[in-house]
Amino acid sequence: MVDANHVKIAQRQNQAVRRRFTTGDSQYMYKVEKIKSLNFYIYVFIWIYVILAGFYIWIIFIGKKSSNYSISYKIAALIIIILFPYLITPIELFYARLITYIIETVAGNVYTRPDYEYVVDSTYIPSLFSY
């Protein structure tokens, strides 16, 4: 007679093998890797933005021609530089979702998938949201 512990161990091994070799799990891992690479590019672009913003702030506050700029211009530029990432992200998401909705409607696909899948699928325009 087979021991109950051996059965549980065998079932766990079967589940582990099933998870490792299923196409659904492979698809999930592929999407996770794409999101990781997307996060890397976001990190790089954030640092590029910080460097360019710092350079511009240096020009208007410390540079040779800083006396040409009024204090109100300097404060407005500083506020815009600080708020820009917070203001542009919702605008970008709105237009991305609008374009997604238009393409999905024209293509005849149902617009029900979560947003992260649209980010992952937006790599190639002709088959942008193919299943």
N, C-alpha and C. Protein backbone atom coordinates (compact mmCIF):
# COMPACT_ATOMS: atom_id res chain seq x y z
N MET A 1 0.83 -1.18 0.00
CA MET A 1 0.00 0.00 0.00
C MET A 1 0.88 1.25 0.00
N VAL A 2 0.44 2.27 -0.68
CA VAL A 2 1.21 3.50 -0.84
C VAL A 2 0.97 4.41 0.36
N ASP A 3 2.06 4.97 0.85
CA ASP A 3 1.97 5.88 1.99
C ASP A 3 1.37 7.22 1.54
N ALA A 4 0.57 7.84 2.40
CA ALA A 4 -0.09 9.12 2.05
C ALA A 4 0.92 10.23 1.83
N ASN A 5 2.03 10.20 2.56
CA ASN A 5 3.06 11.23 2.36
C ASN A 5 3.70 11.13 0.98
N HIS A 6 3.91 9.88 0.52
CA HIS A 6 4.48 9.69 -0.81
C HIS A 6 3.54 10.23 -1.89
N VAL A 7 2.26 10.05 -1.68
CA VAL A 7 1.27 10.55 -2.64
C VAL A 7 1.31 12.08 -2.69
N LYS A 8 1.38 12.71 -1.52
CA LYS A 8 1.45 14.18 -1.48
C LYS A 8 2.72 14.70 -2.14
N ILE A 9 3.84 14.01 -1.88
CA ILE A 9 5.10 14.42 -2.50
C ILE A 9 5.02 14.27 -4.01
N ALA A 10 4.46 13.16 -4.48
CA ALA A 10 4.32 12.94 -5.92
C ALA A 10 3.41 13.99 -6.55
N GLN A 11 2.33 14.35 -5.85
CA GLN A 11 1.43 15.38 -6.39
C GLN A 11 2.13 16.73 -6.47
N ARG A 12 2.92 17.07 -5.46
CA ARG A 12 3.67 18.33 -5.50
C ARG A 12 4.68 18.33 -6.64
N GLN A 13 5.35 17.19 -6.85
CA GLN A 13 6.30 17.10 -7.95
C GLN A 13 5.59 17.25 -9.29
N ASN A 14 4.45 16.62 -9.43
CA ASN A 14 3.68 16.75 -10.67
C ASN A 14 3.25 18.20 -10.91
N GLN A 15 2.81 18.87 -9.86
CA GLN A 15 2.41 20.27 -10.00
C GLN A 15 3.60 21.14 -10.38
N ALA A 16 4.77 20.86 -9.78
CA ALA A 16 5.96 21.64 -10.10
C ALA A 16 6.36 21.44 -11.56
N VAL A 17 6.31 20.20 -12.03
CA VAL A 17 6.65 19.92 -13.43
C VAL A 17 5.61 20.56 -14.36
N ARG A 18 4.34 20.48 -13.99
CA ARG A 18 3.28 21.08 -14.79
C ARG A 18 3.47 22.60 -14.90
N ARG A 19 3.79 23.24 -13.78
CA ARG A 19 4.01 24.70 -13.80
C ARG A 19 5.23 25.05 -14.64
N ARG A 20 6.26 24.21 -14.57
CA ARG A 20 7.49 24.53 -15.28
C ARG A 20 7.34 24.40 -16.79
N PHE A 21 6.56 23.46 -17.25
CA PHE A 21 6.51 23.17 -18.67
C PHE A 21 5.21 23.56 -19.36
N THR A 22 4.33 24.29 -18.71
CA THR A 22 3.11 24.73 -19.38
C THR A 22 3.38 26.00 -20.17
N THR A 23 2.65 26.16 -21.25
CA THR A 23 2.84 27.37 -22.05
C THR A 23 2.28 28.60 -21.35
N GLY A 24 1.26 28.41 -20.52
CA GLY A 24 0.70 29.55 -19.79
C GLY A 24 1.72 30.16 -18.85
N ASP A 25 2.46 29.30 -18.14
CA ASP A 25 3.48 29.80 -17.23
C ASP A 25 4.63 30.43 -18.01
N SER A 26 4.99 29.85 -19.15
CA SER A 26 6.04 30.43 -19.98
C SER A 26 5.61 31.80 -20.49
N GLN A 27 4.36 31.92 -20.86
CA GLN A 27 3.84 33.20 -21.32
C GLN A 27 3.88 34.23 -20.19
N TYR A 28 3.53 33.80 -19.00
CA TYR A 28 3.57 34.69 -17.83
C TYR A 28 5.00 35.15 -17.57
N MET A 29 5.97 34.23 -17.60
CA MET A 29 7.36 34.60 -17.36
C MET A 29 7.87 35.55 -18.44
N TYR A 30 7.44 35.35 -19.68
CA TYR A 30 7.83 36.23 -20.77
C TYR A 30 7.32 37.65 -20.51
N LYS A 31 6.08 37.76 -20.06
CA LYS A 31 5.51 39.08 -19.77
C LYS A 31 6.22 39.73 -18.58
N VAL A 32 6.56 38.95 -17.58
CA VAL A 32 7.27 39.49 -16.43
C VAL A 32 8.63 40.04 -16.86
N GLU A 33 9.33 39.32 -17.72
CA GLU A 33 10.63 39.79 -18.20
C GLU A 33 10.49 41.06 -19.04
N LYS A 34 9.44 41.15 -19.84
CA LYS A 34 9.22 42.37 -20.62
C LYS A 34 8.95 43.55 -19.70
N ILE A 35 8.19 43.32 -18.63
CA ILE A 35 7.90 44.40 -17.69
C ILE A 35 9.17 44.81 -16.95
N LYS A 36 10.04 43.84 -16.64
CA LYS A 36 11.30 44.18 -15.99
C LYS A 36 12.16 45.05 -16.90
N SER A 37 12.21 44.74 -18.18
CA SER A 37 12.99 45.57 -19.10
C SER A 37 12.35 46.94 -19.25
N LEU A 38 11.03 47.00 -19.22
CA LEU A 38 10.34 48.29 -19.27
C LEU A 38 10.68 49.12 -18.04
N ASN A 39 10.72 48.49 -16.88
CA ASN A 39 11.10 49.21 -15.66
C ASN A 39 12.53 49.72 -15.73
N PHE A 40 13.43 48.98 -16.37
CA PHE A 40 14.81 49.44 -16.54
C PHE A 40 14.84 50.71 -17.39
N TYR A 41 14.09 50.72 -18.49
CA TYR A 41 14.07 51.91 -19.34
C TYR A 41 13.44 53.10 -18.62
N ILE A 42 12.41 52.85 -17.83
CA ILE A 42 11.81 53.93 -17.05
C ILE A 42 12.83 54.50 -16.08
N TYR A 43 13.59 53.66 -15.43
CA TYR A 43 14.63 54.10 -14.51
C TYR A 43 15.66 54.96 -15.23
N VAL A 44 16.09 54.54 -16.40
CA VAL A 44 17.07 55.31 -17.18
C VAL A 44 16.49 56.66 -17.58
N PHE A 45 15.26 56.68 -18.04
CA PHE A 45 14.65 57.95 -18.45
C PHE A 45 14.43 58.89 -17.27
N ILE A 46 14.14 58.35 -16.10
CA ILE A 46 14.02 59.20 -14.91
C ILE A 46 15.35 59.88 -14.61
N TRP A 47 16.43 59.14 -14.69
CA TRP A 47 17.74 59.74 -14.43
C TRP A 47 18.11 60.76 -15.50
N ILE A 48 17.77 60.49 -16.75
CA ILE A 48 18.02 61.48 -17.81
C ILE A 48 17.24 62.75 -17.52
N TYR A 49 15.98 62.61 -17.09
CA TYR A 49 15.16 63.77 -16.76
C TYR A 49 15.76 64.55 -15.59
N VAL A 50 16.22 63.84 -14.55
CA VAL A 50 16.81 64.51 -13.39
C VAL A 50 18.06 65.27 -13.79
N ILE A 51 18.89 64.68 -14.63
CA ILE A 51 20.12 65.35 -15.06
C ILE A 51 19.80 66.58 -15.90
N LEU A 52 18.89 66.46 -16.86
CA LEU A 52 18.53 67.61 -17.68
C LEU A 52 17.85 68.71 -16.86
N ALA A 53 16.98 68.32 -15.93
CA ALA A 53 16.33 69.31 -15.07
C ALA A 53 17.35 70.01 -14.18
N GLY A 54 18.28 69.27 -13.64
CA GLY A 54 19.34 69.88 -12.82
C GLY A 54 20.20 70.84 -13.63
N PHE A 55 20.51 70.47 -14.85
CA PHE A 55 21.29 71.34 -15.72
C PHE A 55 20.54 72.63 -16.02
N TYR A 56 19.24 72.52 -16.32
CA TYR A 56 18.44 73.71 -16.61
C TYR A 56 18.30 74.59 -15.37
N ILE A 57 18.09 73.98 -14.21
CA ILE A 57 18.01 74.76 -12.97
C ILE A 57 19.34 75.46 -12.70
N TRP A 58 20.43 74.78 -12.97
CA TRP A 58 21.74 75.40 -12.80
C TRP A 58 21.89 76.61 -13.73
N ILE A 59 21.41 76.48 -14.96
CA ILE A 59 21.50 77.60 -15.91
C ILE A 59 20.71 78.80 -15.42
N ILE A 60 19.48 78.59 -14.97
CA ILE A 60 18.65 79.76 -14.62
C ILE A 60 18.93 80.31 -13.22
N PHE A 61 19.54 79.52 -12.34
CA PHE A 61 19.81 80.02 -10.99
C PHE A 61 21.27 80.41 -10.77
N ILE A 62 22.21 79.71 -11.40
CA ILE A 62 23.63 79.92 -11.10
C ILE A 62 24.43 80.36 -12.32
N GLY A 63 23.95 80.07 -13.52
CA GLY A 63 24.71 80.34 -14.74
C GLY A 63 25.06 81.81 -14.92
N LYS A 64 25.87 82.07 -15.93
CA LYS A 64 26.35 83.43 -16.21
C LYS A 64 25.20 84.40 -16.51
N LYS A 65 24.17 83.91 -17.17
CA LYS A 65 23.05 84.78 -17.55
C LYS A 65 21.86 84.65 -16.59
N SER A 66 22.11 84.19 -15.38
CA SER A 66 21.00 84.01 -14.44
C SER A 66 20.36 85.33 -14.03
N SER A 67 21.11 86.41 -14.11
CA SER A 67 20.54 87.72 -13.76
C SER A 67 19.52 88.19 -14.79
N ASN A 68 19.53 87.61 -15.97
CA ASN A 68 18.56 87.98 -17.02
C ASN A 68 17.16 87.45 -16.73
N TYR A 69 17.06 86.43 -15.87
CA TYR A 69 15.77 85.81 -15.56
C TYR A 69 15.20 86.42 -14.29
N SER A 70 13.92 86.73 -14.31
CA SER A 70 13.27 87.30 -13.12
C SER A 70 13.02 86.20 -12.09
N ILE A 71 12.80 86.61 -10.87
CA ILE A 71 12.56 85.63 -9.80
C ILE A 71 11.25 84.88 -10.03
N SER A 72 10.26 85.54 -10.60
CA SER A 72 8.99 84.85 -10.89
C SER A 72 9.18 83.79 -11.97
N TYR A 73 10.02 84.08 -12.97
CA TYR A 73 10.31 83.08 -14.01
C TYR A 73 11.04 81.88 -13.40
N LYS A 74 11.98 82.16 -12.51
CA LYS A 74 12.75 81.08 -11.89
C LYS A 74 11.84 80.18 -11.04
N ILE A 75 10.96 80.79 -10.27
CA ILE A 75 10.05 80.01 -9.43
C ILE A 75 9.07 79.22 -10.29
N ALA A 76 8.54 79.84 -11.34
CA ALA A 76 7.61 79.13 -12.24
C ALA A 76 8.31 77.96 -12.92
N ALA A 77 9.54 78.17 -13.38
CA ALA A 77 10.29 77.09 -14.03
C ALA A 77 10.56 75.95 -13.04
N LEU A 78 10.90 76.30 -11.81
CA LEU A 78 11.15 75.28 -10.80
C LEU A 78 9.89 74.47 -10.49
N ILE A 79 8.76 75.15 -10.36
CA ILE A 79 7.49 74.45 -10.09
C ILE A 79 7.12 73.55 -11.26
N ILE A 80 7.28 74.04 -12.48
CA ILE A 80 6.96 73.22 -13.66
C ILE A 80 7.87 72.00 -13.74
N ILE A 81 9.15 72.18 -13.46
CA ILE A 81 10.09 71.05 -13.51
C ILE A 81 9.73 70.00 -12.46
N ILE A 82 9.32 70.45 -11.29
CA ILE A 82 8.96 69.50 -10.22
C ILE A 82 7.64 68.79 -10.54
N LEU A 83 6.66 69.53 -11.05
CA LEU A 83 5.33 68.95 -11.29
C LEU A 83 5.19 68.20 -12.62
N PHE A 84 6.10 68.41 -13.55
CA PHE A 84 5.97 67.83 -14.89
C PHE A 84 5.75 66.31 -14.88
N PRO A 85 6.55 65.52 -14.16
CA PRO A 85 6.31 64.06 -14.18
C PRO A 85 4.94 63.67 -13.65
N TYR A 86 4.45 64.42 -12.67
CA TYR A 86 3.15 64.09 -12.08
C TYR A 86 1.99 64.50 -12.98
N LEU A 87 2.20 65.51 -13.80
CA LEU A 87 1.13 65.98 -14.69
C LEU A 87 1.11 65.23 -16.02
N ILE A 88 2.27 64.86 -16.52
CA ILE A 88 2.33 64.26 -17.86
C ILE A 88 1.89 62.79 -17.84
N THR A 89 2.11 62.07 -16.74
CA THR A 89 1.77 60.65 -16.69
C THR A 89 0.28 60.39 -16.88
N PRO A 90 -0.62 61.08 -16.17
CA PRO A 90 -2.06 60.85 -16.43
C PRO A 90 -2.48 61.23 -17.84
N ILE A 91 -1.86 62.27 -18.39
CA ILE A 91 -2.19 62.68 -19.76
C ILE A 91 -1.75 61.59 -20.74
N GLU A 92 -0.54 61.06 -20.55
CA GLU A 92 -0.06 59.97 -21.41
C GLU A 92 -0.96 58.75 -21.30
N LEU A 93 -1.34 58.38 -20.09
CA LEU A 93 -2.20 57.21 -19.91
C LEU A 93 -3.57 57.42 -20.55
N PHE A 94 -4.08 58.64 -20.46
CA PHE A 94 -5.37 58.93 -21.10
C PHE A 94 -5.28 58.71 -22.60
N TYR A 95 -4.24 59.27 -23.23
CA TYR A 95 -4.11 59.10 -24.68
C TYR A 95 -3.80 57.66 -25.07
N ALA A 96 -3.01 56.97 -24.26
CA ALA A 96 -2.73 55.55 -24.56
C ALA A 96 -4.00 54.73 -24.49
N ARG A 97 -4.83 54.97 -23.48
CA ARG A 97 -6.09 54.22 -23.37
C ARG A 97 -7.06 54.62 -24.47
N LEU A 98 -7.06 55.88 -24.85
CA LEU A 98 -7.94 56.33 -25.94
C LEU A 98 -7.55 55.65 -27.25
N ILE A 99 -6.26 55.63 -27.56
CA ILE A 99 -5.78 54.98 -28.78
C ILE A 99 -6.07 53.49 -28.72
N THR A 100 -5.85 52.87 -27.55
CA THR A 100 -6.15 51.45 -27.38
C THR A 100 -7.63 51.18 -27.62
N TYR A 101 -8.47 52.01 -27.06
CA TYR A 101 -9.92 51.83 -27.23
C TYR A 101 -10.31 51.95 -28.71
N ILE A 102 -9.75 52.93 -29.41
CA ILE A 102 -10.07 53.13 -30.83
C ILE A 102 -9.60 51.92 -31.64
N ILE A 103 -8.37 51.47 -31.41
CA ILE A 103 -7.84 50.33 -32.17
C ILE A 103 -8.63 49.07 -31.86
N GLU A 104 -8.94 48.85 -30.59
CA GLU A 104 -9.72 47.66 -30.21
C GLU A 104 -11.12 47.70 -30.83
N THR A 105 -11.72 48.88 -30.88
CA THR A 105 -13.06 49.00 -31.46
C THR A 105 -13.03 48.75 -32.96
N VAL A 106 -12.04 49.32 -33.65
CA VAL A 106 -11.93 49.13 -35.10
C VAL A 106 -11.59 47.67 -35.42
N ALA A 107 -10.70 47.06 -34.62
CA ALA A 107 -10.31 45.68 -34.87
C ALA A 107 -11.38 44.68 -34.47
N GLY A 108 -12.34 45.11 -33.65
CA GLY A 108 -13.43 44.23 -33.24
C GLY A 108 -13.13 43.41 -32.01
N ASN A 109 -12.05 43.72 -31.32
CA ASN A 109 -11.73 43.01 -30.08
C ASN A 109 -12.49 43.63 -28.92
N VAL A 110 -12.72 42.82 -27.91
CA VAL A 110 -13.41 43.32 -26.72
C VAL A 110 -12.39 44.01 -25.82
N TYR A 111 -12.75 45.17 -25.33
CA TYR A 111 -11.85 45.99 -24.52
C TYR A 111 -12.05 45.65 -23.05
N THR A 112 -11.58 44.48 -22.63
CA THR A 112 -11.80 44.05 -21.24
C THR A 112 -10.53 43.63 -20.53
N ARG A 113 -9.41 43.61 -21.20
CA ARG A 113 -8.20 43.14 -20.54
C ARG A 113 -7.65 44.19 -19.58
N PRO A 114 -6.89 43.77 -18.55
CA PRO A 114 -6.28 44.73 -17.63
C PRO A 114 -5.25 45.61 -18.34
N ASP A 115 -4.97 46.75 -17.75
CA ASP A 115 -4.07 47.71 -18.39
C ASP A 115 -2.65 47.18 -18.56
N TYR A 116 -2.16 46.36 -17.61
CA TYR A 116 -0.78 45.90 -17.74
C TYR A 116 -0.59 45.04 -18.98
N GLU A 117 -1.64 44.35 -19.43
CA GLU A 117 -1.51 43.55 -20.64
C GLU A 117 -1.41 44.44 -21.87
N TYR A 118 -2.05 45.59 -21.85
CA TYR A 118 -1.91 46.51 -22.97
C TYR A 118 -0.49 47.05 -23.04
N VAL A 119 0.13 47.28 -21.89
CA VAL A 119 1.51 47.75 -21.88
C VAL A 119 2.42 46.68 -22.46
N VAL A 120 2.20 45.43 -22.06
CA VAL A 120 3.04 44.34 -22.54
C VAL A 120 2.82 44.09 -24.02
N ASP A 121 1.57 44.21 -24.51
CA ASP A 121 1.26 43.87 -25.90
C ASP A 121 1.58 44.99 -26.89
N SER A 122 1.94 46.16 -26.44
CA SER A 122 2.09 47.28 -27.36
C SER A 122 3.48 47.34 -27.97
N THR A 123 3.93 46.24 -28.55
CA THR A 123 5.27 46.21 -29.12
C THR A 123 5.27 46.33 -30.63
N TYR A 124 4.20 45.99 -31.28
CA TYR A 124 4.18 45.98 -32.73
C TYR A 124 2.81 46.45 -33.18
N ILE A 125 2.78 47.52 -33.96
CA ILE A 125 1.52 48.20 -34.27
C ILE A 125 0.51 47.34 -35.03
N PRO A 126 0.84 46.65 -36.14
CA PRO A 126 -0.21 45.94 -36.88
C PRO A 126 -0.94 44.88 -36.06
N SER A 127 -0.22 44.13 -35.24
CA SER A 127 -0.89 43.12 -34.42
C SER A 127 -0.82 43.54 -32.96
N LEU A 128 -1.15 44.79 -32.72
CA LEU A 128 -0.95 45.39 -31.41
C LEU A 128 -1.68 44.66 -30.30
N PHE A 129 -2.91 44.29 -30.55
CA PHE A 129 -3.68 43.65 -29.48
C PHE A 129 -4.24 42.31 -29.94
N SER A 130 -3.45 41.56 -30.67
CA SER A 130 -3.92 40.27 -31.15
C SER A 130 -3.88 39.26 -30.00
N TYR A 131 -4.75 38.28 -30.09
CA TYR A 131 -4.84 37.29 -29.01
C TYR A 131 -4.00 36.09 -29.31
